[in-house]
Amino acid sequence: AYIIRWMDDGHCTCPKTGQMLTHTRVVPN
């Protein structure tokens, strides 16, 4: 829920590392 909300807000970086996201797909862990 939180990472989807982060990406929906227009962020294009990883919140923890700051790396640019190459895509916005998420995989269940």
PDB file of all heavy atoms in Angstrom:
ATOM      1  N   ALA A   1       0.821  -1.208   0.000  1.00  0.00           N
ATOM      2  CA  ALA A   1       0.000   0.000   0.000  1.00  0.00           C
ATOM      3  C   ALA A   1       0.857   1.260   0.000  1.00  0.00           C
ATOM      4  O   ALA A   1       0.525   2.248  -0.670  1.00  0.00           O
ATOM      5  CB  ALA A   1      -0.922  -0.009   1.223  1.00  0.00           C
ATOM      6  N   TYR A   2       1.978   1.232   0.728  1.00  0.00           N
ATOM      7  CA  TYR A   2       2.802   2.435   0.857  1.00  0.00           C
ATOM      8  C   TYR A   2       3.644   2.688  -0.381  1.00  0.00           C
ATOM      9  O   TYR A   2       3.814   3.836  -0.805  1.00  0.00           O
ATOM     10  CB  TYR A   2       3.681   2.336   2.108  1.00  0.00           C
ATOM     11  CG  TYR A   2       2.890   2.504   3.377  1.00  0.00           C
ATOM     12  CD1 TYR A   2       2.461   1.405   4.102  1.00  0.00           C
ATOM     13  CD2 TYR A   2       2.551   3.774   3.847  1.00  0.00           C
ATOM     14  CE1 TYR A   2       1.717   1.549   5.263  1.00  0.00           C
ATOM     15  CE2 TYR A   2       1.816   3.937   5.002  1.00  0.00           C
ATOM     16  CZ  TYR A   2       1.391   2.818   5.712  1.00  0.00           C
ATOM     17  OH  TYR A   2       0.651   2.984   6.852  1.00  0.00           O
ATOM     18  N   ILE A   3       4.203   1.635  -0.981  1.00  0.00           N
ATOM     19  CA  ILE A   3       5.033   1.868  -2.157  1.00  0.00           C
ATOM     20  C   ILE A   3       4.157   2.241  -3.358  1.00  0.00           C
ATOM     21  O   ILE A   3       4.551   3.073  -4.190  1.00  0.00           O
ATOM     22  CB  ILE A   3       5.913   0.630  -2.488  1.00  0.00           C
ATOM     23  CG1 ILE A   3       6.938   0.995  -3.566  1.00  0.00           C
ATOM     24  CG2 ILE A   3       5.079  -0.556  -2.886  1.00  0.00           C
ATOM     25  CD1 ILE A   3       7.904   2.084  -3.164  1.00  0.00           C
ATOM     26  N   ILE A   4       2.947   1.683  -3.438  1.00  0.00           N
ATOM     27  CA  ILE A   4       2.032   2.068  -4.514  1.00  0.00           C
ATOM     28  C   ILE A   4       1.641   3.535  -4.358  1.00  0.00           C
ATOM     29  O   ILE A   4       1.609   4.300  -5.330  1.00  0.00           O
ATOM     30  CB  ILE A   4       0.778   1.174  -4.512  1.00  0.00           C
ATOM     31  CG1 ILE A   4       1.160  -0.268  -4.876  1.00  0.00           C
ATOM     32  CG2 ILE A   4      -0.268   1.713  -5.474  1.00  0.00           C
ATOM     33  CD1 ILE A   4       1.722  -0.445  -6.261  1.00  0.00           C
ATOM     34  N   ARG A   5       1.366   3.932  -3.122  1.00  0.00           N
ATOM     35  CA  ARG A   5       1.021   5.330  -2.871  1.00  0.00           C
ATOM     36  C   ARG A   5       2.189   6.242  -3.224  1.00  0.00           C
ATOM     37  O   ARG A   5       2.010   7.324  -3.784  1.00  0.00           O
ATOM     38  CB  ARG A   5       0.636   5.505  -1.397  1.00  0.00           C
ATOM     39  CG  ARG A   5       0.120   6.894  -1.054  1.00  0.00           C
ATOM     40  CD  ARG A   5      -0.158   7.003   0.431  1.00  0.00           C
ATOM     41  NE  ARG A   5      -1.051   5.954   0.890  1.00  0.00           N
ATOM     42  CZ  ARG A   5      -1.287   5.711   2.173  1.00  0.00           C
ATOM     43  NH1 ARG A   5      -0.686   6.432   3.105  1.00  0.00           N
ATOM     44  NH2 ARG A   5      -2.117   4.753   2.528  1.00  0.00           N
ATOM     45  N   TRP A   6       3.424   5.800  -2.903  1.00  0.00           N
ATOM     46  CA  TRP A   6       4.636   6.572  -3.213  1.00  0.00           C
ATOM     47  C   TRP A   6       4.743   6.798  -4.724  1.00  0.00           C
ATOM     48  O   TRP A   6       4.988   7.912  -5.191  1.00  0.00           O
ATOM     49  CB  TRP A   6       5.848   5.815  -2.684  1.00  0.00           C
ATOM     50  CG  TRP A   6       7.191   6.319  -3.131  1.00  0.00           C
ATOM     51  CD1 TRP A   6       7.893   5.917  -4.224  1.00  0.00           C
ATOM     52  CD2 TRP A   6       8.006   7.304  -2.493  1.00  0.00           C
ATOM     53  NE1 TRP A   6       9.094   6.582  -4.320  1.00  0.00           N
ATOM     54  CE2 TRP A   6       9.186   7.447  -3.256  1.00  0.00           C
ATOM     55  CE3 TRP A   6       7.865   8.079  -1.353  1.00  0.00           C
ATOM     56  CZ2 TRP A   6      10.207   8.320  -2.929  1.00  0.00           C
ATOM     57  CZ3 TRP A   6       8.880   8.955  -1.007  1.00  0.00           C
ATOM     58  CH2 TRP A   6      10.032   9.078  -1.782  1.00  0.00           C
ATOM     59  N   MET A   7       4.548   5.739  -5.496  1.00  0.00           N
ATOM     60  CA  MET A   7       4.678   5.858  -6.949  1.00  0.00           C
ATOM     61  C   MET A   7       3.505   6.626  -7.551  1.00  0.00           C
ATOM     62  O   MET A   7       3.675   7.372  -8.511  1.00  0.00           O
ATOM     63  CB  MET A   7       4.807   4.461  -7.562  1.00  0.00           C
ATOM     64  CG  MET A   7       6.126   3.780  -7.186  1.00  0.00           C
ATOM     65  SD  MET A   7       6.443   2.205  -8.020  1.00  0.00           S
ATOM     66  CE  MET A   7       5.211   1.151  -7.256  1.00  0.00           C
ATOM     67  N   ASP A   8       2.309   6.461  -6.972  1.00  0.00           N
ATOM     68  CA  ASP A   8       1.152   7.206  -7.470  1.00  0.00           C
ATOM     69  C   ASP A   8       1.311   8.705  -7.256  1.00  0.00           C
ATOM     70  O   ASP A   8       0.721   9.514  -7.982  1.00  0.00           O
ATOM     71  CB  ASP A   8      -0.129   6.727  -6.780  1.00  0.00           C
ATOM     72  CG  ASP A   8      -0.567   5.353  -7.259  1.00  0.00           C
ATOM     73  OD1 ASP A   8      -0.034   4.900  -8.292  1.00  0.00           O
ATOM     74  OD2 ASP A   8      -1.416   4.733  -6.595  1.00  0.00           O
ATOM     75  N   ASP A   9       2.098   9.086  -6.249  1.00  0.00           N
ATOM     76  CA  ASP A   9       2.337  10.508  -5.984  1.00  0.00           C
ATOM     77  C   ASP A   9       3.342  11.120  -6.954  1.00  0.00           C
ATOM     78  O   ASP A   9       3.688  12.299  -6.830  1.00  0.00           O
ATOM     79  CB  ASP A   9       2.837  10.700  -4.549  1.00  0.00           C
ATOM     80  CG  ASP A   9       1.730  10.499  -3.529  1.00  0.00           C
ATOM     81  OD1 ASP A   9       0.551  10.540  -3.922  1.00  0.00           O
ATOM     82  OD2 ASP A   9       2.042  10.284  -2.342  1.00  0.00           O
ATOM     83  N   GLY A  10       3.861  10.316  -7.885  1.00  0.00           N
ATOM     84  CA  GLY A  10       4.745  10.842  -8.915  1.00  0.00           C
ATOM     85  C   GLY A  10       6.222  10.624  -8.665  1.00  0.00           C
ATOM     86  O   GLY A  10       7.054  11.071  -9.462  1.00  0.00           O
ATOM     87  N   HIS A  11       6.580   9.932  -7.582  1.00  0.00           N
ATOM     88  CA  HIS A  11       7.993   9.678  -7.307  1.00  0.00           C
ATOM     89  C   HIS A  11       8.521   8.613  -8.271  1.00  0.00           C
ATOM     90  O   HIS A  11       7.852   7.611  -8.540  1.00  0.00           O
ATOM     91  CB  HIS A  11       8.184   9.210  -5.863  1.00  0.00           C
ATOM     92  CG  HIS A  11       7.769  10.232  -4.842  1.00  0.00           C
ATOM     93  ND1 HIS A  11       8.500  11.366  -4.591  1.00  0.00           N
ATOM     94  CD2 HIS A  11       6.689  10.293  -4.024  1.00  0.00           C
ATOM     95  CE1 HIS A  11       7.905  12.075  -3.657  1.00  0.00           C
ATOM     96  NE2 HIS A  11       6.793  11.452  -3.290  1.00  0.00           N
ATOM     97  N   CYS A  12       9.728   8.820  -8.740  1.00  0.00           N
ATOM     98  CA  CYS A  12      10.320   7.862  -9.678  1.00  0.00           C
ATOM     99  C   CYS A  12      11.645   7.316  -9.159  1.00  0.00           C
ATOM    100  O   CYS A  12      12.472   6.826  -9.923  1.00  0.00           O
ATOM    101  CB  CYS A  12      10.520   8.512 -11.047  1.00  0.00           C
ATOM    102  SG  CYS A  12      11.526  10.019 -10.997  1.00  0.00           S
ATOM    103  N   THR A  13      11.865   7.411  -7.844  1.00  0.00           N
ATOM    104  CA  THR A  13      13.079   6.875  -7.224  1.00  0.00           C
ATOM    105  C   THR A  13      12.695   5.902  -6.126  1.00  0.00           C
ATOM    106  O   THR A  13      11.574   5.914  -5.612  1.00  0.00           O
ATOM    107  CB  THR A  13      13.938   7.997  -6.618  1.00  0.00           C
ATOM    108  OG1 THR A  13      13.156   8.704  -5.642  1.00  0.00           O
ATOM    109  CG2 THR A  13      14.424   8.968  -7.675  1.00  0.00           C
ATOM    110  N   CYS A  14      13.649   5.063  -5.757  1.00  0.00           N
ATOM    111  CA  CYS A  14      13.460   4.125  -4.648  1.00  0.00           C
ATOM    112  C   CYS A  14      13.539   4.910  -3.336  1.00  0.00           C
ATOM    113  O   CYS A  14      14.525   5.615  -3.099  1.00  0.00           O
ATOM    114  CB  CYS A  14      14.542   3.051  -4.686  1.00  0.00           C
ATOM    115  SG  CYS A  14      14.526   1.921  -3.272  1.00  0.00           S
ATOM    116  N   PRO A  15      12.533   4.841  -2.471  1.00  0.00           N
ATOM    117  CA  PRO A  15      12.561   5.641  -1.237  1.00  0.00           C
ATOM    118  C   PRO A  15      13.770   5.364  -0.353  1.00  0.00           C
ATOM    119  O   PRO A  15      14.271   6.260   0.322  1.00  0.00           O
ATOM    120  CB  PRO A  15      11.264   5.231  -0.523  1.00  0.00           C
ATOM    121  CG  PRO A  15      10.380   4.707  -1.602  1.00  0.00           C
ATOM    122  CD  PRO A  15      11.297   4.068  -2.598  1.00  0.00           C
ATOM    123  N   LYS A  16      14.267   4.132  -0.361  1.00  0.00           N
ATOM    124  CA  LYS A  16      15.362   3.772   0.541  1.00  0.00           C
ATOM    125  C   LYS A  16      16.726   4.084  -0.045  1.00  0.00           C
ATOM    126  O   LYS A  16      17.604   4.614   0.634  1.00  0.00           O
ATOM    127  CB  LYS A  16      15.274   2.291   0.915  1.00  0.00           C
ATOM    128  CG  LYS A  16      16.295   1.858   1.964  1.00  0.00           C
ATOM    129  CD  LYS A  16      16.033   0.431   2.425  1.00  0.00           C
ATOM    130  CE  LYS A  16      17.021   0.024   3.521  1.00  0.00           C
ATOM    131  NZ  LYS A  16      16.766  -1.353   3.997  1.00  0.00           N
ATOM    132  N   THR A  17      16.920   3.764  -1.328  1.00  0.00           N
ATOM    133  CA  THR A  17      18.255   3.916  -1.915  1.00  0.00           C
ATOM    134  C   THR A  17      18.394   5.159  -2.783  1.00  0.00           C
ATOM    135  O   THR A  17      19.506   5.593  -3.062  1.00  0.00           O
ATOM    136  CB  THR A  17      18.603   2.697  -2.780  1.00  0.00           C
ATOM    137  OG1 THR A  17      17.735   2.675  -3.928  1.00  0.00           O
ATOM    138  CG2 THR A  17      18.441   1.406  -1.991  1.00  0.00           C
ATOM    139  N   GLY A  18      17.266   5.715  -3.242  1.00  0.00           N
ATOM    140  CA  GLY A  18      17.329   6.881  -4.115  1.00  0.00           C
ATOM    141  C   GLY A  18      17.563   6.537  -5.576  1.00  0.00           C
ATOM    142  O   GLY A  18      17.638   7.438  -6.422  1.00  0.00           O
ATOM    143  N   GLN A  19      17.694   5.246  -5.918  1.00  0.00           N
ATOM    144  CA  GLN A  19      17.923   4.865  -7.310  1.00  0.00           C
ATOM    145  C   GLN A  19      16.689   5.151  -8.162  1.00  0.00           C
ATOM    146  O   GLN A  19      15.548   5.063  -7.690  1.00  0.00           O
ATOM    147  CB  GLN A  19      18.254   3.373  -7.389  1.00  0.00           C
ATOM    148  CG  GLN A  19      19.601   3.006  -6.786  1.00  0.00           C
ATOM    149  CD  GLN A  19      19.807   1.506  -6.790  1.00  0.00           C
ATOM    150  OE1 GLN A  19      19.474   0.821  -5.832  1.00  0.00           O
ATOM    151  NE2 GLN A  19      20.356   1.000  -7.886  1.00  0.00           N
ATOM    152  N   MET A  20      16.943   5.478  -9.434  1.00  0.00           N
ATOM    153  CA  MET A  20      15.842   5.691 -10.358  1.00  0.00           C
ATOM    154  C   MET A  20      15.142   4.360 -10.629  1.00  0.00           C
ATOM    155  O   MET A  20      15.789   3.319 -10.790  1.00  0.00           O
ATOM    156  CB  MET A  20      16.358   6.288 -11.673  1.00  0.00           C
ATOM    157  CG  MET A  20      16.987   7.666 -11.512  1.00  0.00           C
ATOM    158  SD  MET A  20      15.807   8.920 -10.963  1.00  0.00           S
ATOM    159  CE  MET A  20      14.701   8.974 -12.372  1.00  0.00           C
ATOM    160  N   LEU A  21      13.814   4.384 -10.697  1.00  0.00           N
ATOM    161  CA  LEU A  21      13.040   3.176 -10.968  1.00  0.00           C
ATOM    162  C   LEU A  21      12.937   2.970 -12.475  1.00  0.00           C
ATOM    163  O   LEU A  21      12.485   3.864 -13.203  1.00  0.00           O
ATOM    164  CB  LEU A  21      11.641   3.301 -10.359  1.00  0.00           C
ATOM    165  CG  LEU A  21      11.567   3.491  -8.836  1.00  0.00           C
ATOM    166  CD1 LEU A  21      10.104   3.634  -8.404  1.00  0.00           C
ATOM    167  CD2 LEU A  21      12.221   2.333  -8.115  1.00  0.00           C
ATOM    168  N   THR A  22      13.364   1.808 -12.941  1.00  0.00           N
ATOM    169  CA  THR A  22      13.266   1.501 -14.369  1.00  0.00           C
ATOM    170  C   THR A  22      11.843   1.124 -14.760  1.00  0.00           C
ATOM    171  O   THR A  22      11.467   1.217 -15.926  1.00  0.00           O
ATOM    172  CB  THR A  22      14.227   0.363 -14.734  1.00  0.00           C
ATOM    173  OG1 THR A  22      13.910  -0.786 -13.915  1.00  0.00           O
ATOM    174  CG2 THR A  22      15.672   0.777 -14.477  1.00  0.00           C
ATOM    175  N   HIS A  23      11.066   0.653 -13.812  1.00  0.00           N
ATOM    176  CA  HIS A  23       9.645   0.369 -14.037  1.00  0.00           C
ATOM    177  C   HIS A  23       8.948   0.389 -12.682  1.00  0.00           C
ATOM    178  O   HIS A  23       9.596   0.436 -11.632  1.00  0.00           O
ATOM    179  CB  HIS A  23       9.442  -0.984 -14.740  1.00  0.00           C
ATOM    180  CG  HIS A  23       9.999  -2.153 -13.979  1.00  0.00           C
ATOM    181  ND1 HIS A  23       9.349  -2.714 -12.890  1.00  0.00           N
ATOM    182  CD2 HIS A  23      11.154  -2.854 -14.138  1.00  0.00           C
ATOM    183  CE1 HIS A  23      10.058  -3.722 -12.429  1.00  0.00           C
ATOM    184  NE2 HIS A  23      11.170  -3.830 -13.159  1.00  0.00           N
ATOM    185  N   THR A  24       7.629   0.375 -12.693  1.00  0.00           N
ATOM    186  CA  THR A  24       6.861   0.501 -11.447  1.00  0.00           C
ATOM    187  C   THR A  24       6.154  -0.792 -11.064  1.00  0.00           C
ATOM    188  O   THR A  24       5.258  -0.787 -10.218  1.00  0.00           O
ATOM    189  CB  THR A  24       5.817   1.627 -11.579  1.00  0.00           C
ATOM    190  OG1 THR A  24       4.948   1.334 -12.688  1.00  0.00           O
ATOM    191  CG2 THR A  24       6.495   2.972 -11.778  1.00  0.00           C
ATOM    192  N   ARG A  25       6.554  -1.888 -11.681  1.00  0.00           N
ATOM    193  CA  ARG A  25       5.936  -3.163 -11.310  1.00  0.00           C
ATOM    194  C   ARG A  25       6.432  -3.600  -9.929  1.00  0.00           C
ATOM    195  O   ARG A  25       7.588  -3.369  -9.569  1.00  0.00           O
ATOM    196  CB  ARG A  25       6.271  -4.247 -12.341  1.00  0.00           C
ATOM    197  CG  ARG A  25       5.661  -3.999 -13.706  1.00  0.00           C
ATOM    198  CD  ARG A  25       5.832  -5.214 -14.609  1.00  0.00           C
ATOM    199  NE  ARG A  25       7.245  -5.553 -14.814  1.00  0.00           N
ATOM    200  CZ  ARG A  25       8.005  -5.011 -15.746  1.00  0.00           C
ATOM    201  NH1 ARG A  25       7.506  -4.083 -16.558  1.00  0.00           N
ATOM    202  NH2 ARG A  25       9.265  -5.379 -15.870  1.00  0.00           N
ATOM    203  N   VAL A  26       5.560  -4.260  -9.166  1.00  0.00           N
ATOM    204  CA  VAL A  26       5.941  -4.803  -7.858  1.00  0.00           C
ATOM    205  C   VAL A  26       5.707  -6.302  -7.866  1.00  0.00           C
ATOM    206  O   VAL A  26       4.772  -6.799  -8.507  1.00  0.00           O
ATOM    207  CB  VAL A  26       5.145  -4.141  -6.714  1.00  0.00           C
ATOM    208  CG1 VAL A  26       5.443  -2.658  -6.627  1.00  0.00           C
ATOM    209  CG2 VAL A  26       3.647  -4.378  -6.855  1.00  0.00           C
ATOM    210  N   VAL A  27       6.582  -7.023  -7.154  1.00  0.00           N
ATOM    211  CA  VAL A  27       6.503  -8.483  -7.105  1.00  0.00           C
ATOM    212  C   VAL A  27       6.266  -8.906  -5.657  1.00  0.00           C
ATOM    213  O   VAL A  27       7.008  -8.485  -4.760  1.00  0.00           O
ATOM    214  CB  VAL A  27       7.812  -9.124  -7.620  1.00  0.00           C
ATOM    215  CG1 VAL A  27       7.723 -10.639  -7.540  1.00  0.00           C
ATOM    216  CG2 VAL A  27       8.096  -8.658  -9.044  1.00  0.00           C
ATOM    217  N   PRO A  28       5.239  -9.715  -5.394  1.00  0.00           N
ATOM    218  CA  PRO A  28       4.994 -10.163  -4.009  1.00  0.00           C
ATOM    219  C   PRO A  28       6.209 -10.892  -3.444  1.00  0.00           C
ATOM    220  O   PRO A  28       6.803 -11.743  -4.113  1.00  0.00           O
ATOM    221  CB  PRO A  28       3.793 -11.102  -4.146  1.00  0.00           C
ATOM    222  CG  PRO A  28       3.112 -10.685  -5.412  1.00  0.00           C
ATOM    223  CD  PRO A  28       4.220 -10.229  -6.330  1.00  0.00           C
ATOM    224  N   ASN A  29       6.583 -10.556  -2.213  1.00  0.00           N
ATOM    225  CA  ASN A  29       7.712 -11.204  -1.541  1.00  0.00           C
ATOM    226  C   ASN A  29       7.146 -12.256  -0.589  1.00  0.00           C
ATOM    227  O   ASN A  29       6.951 -12.013   0.609  1.00  0.00           O
ATOM    228  CB  ASN A  29       8.541 -10.165  -0.785  1.00  0.00           C
ATOM    229  CG  ASN A  29       9.866 -10.724  -0.302  1.00  0.00           C
ATOM    230  OD1 ASN A  29       9.996 -11.927  -0.078  1.00  0.00           O
ATOM    231  ND2 ASN A  29      10.860  -9.859  -0.147  1.00  0.00           N
TER     232      ASN A  29
END
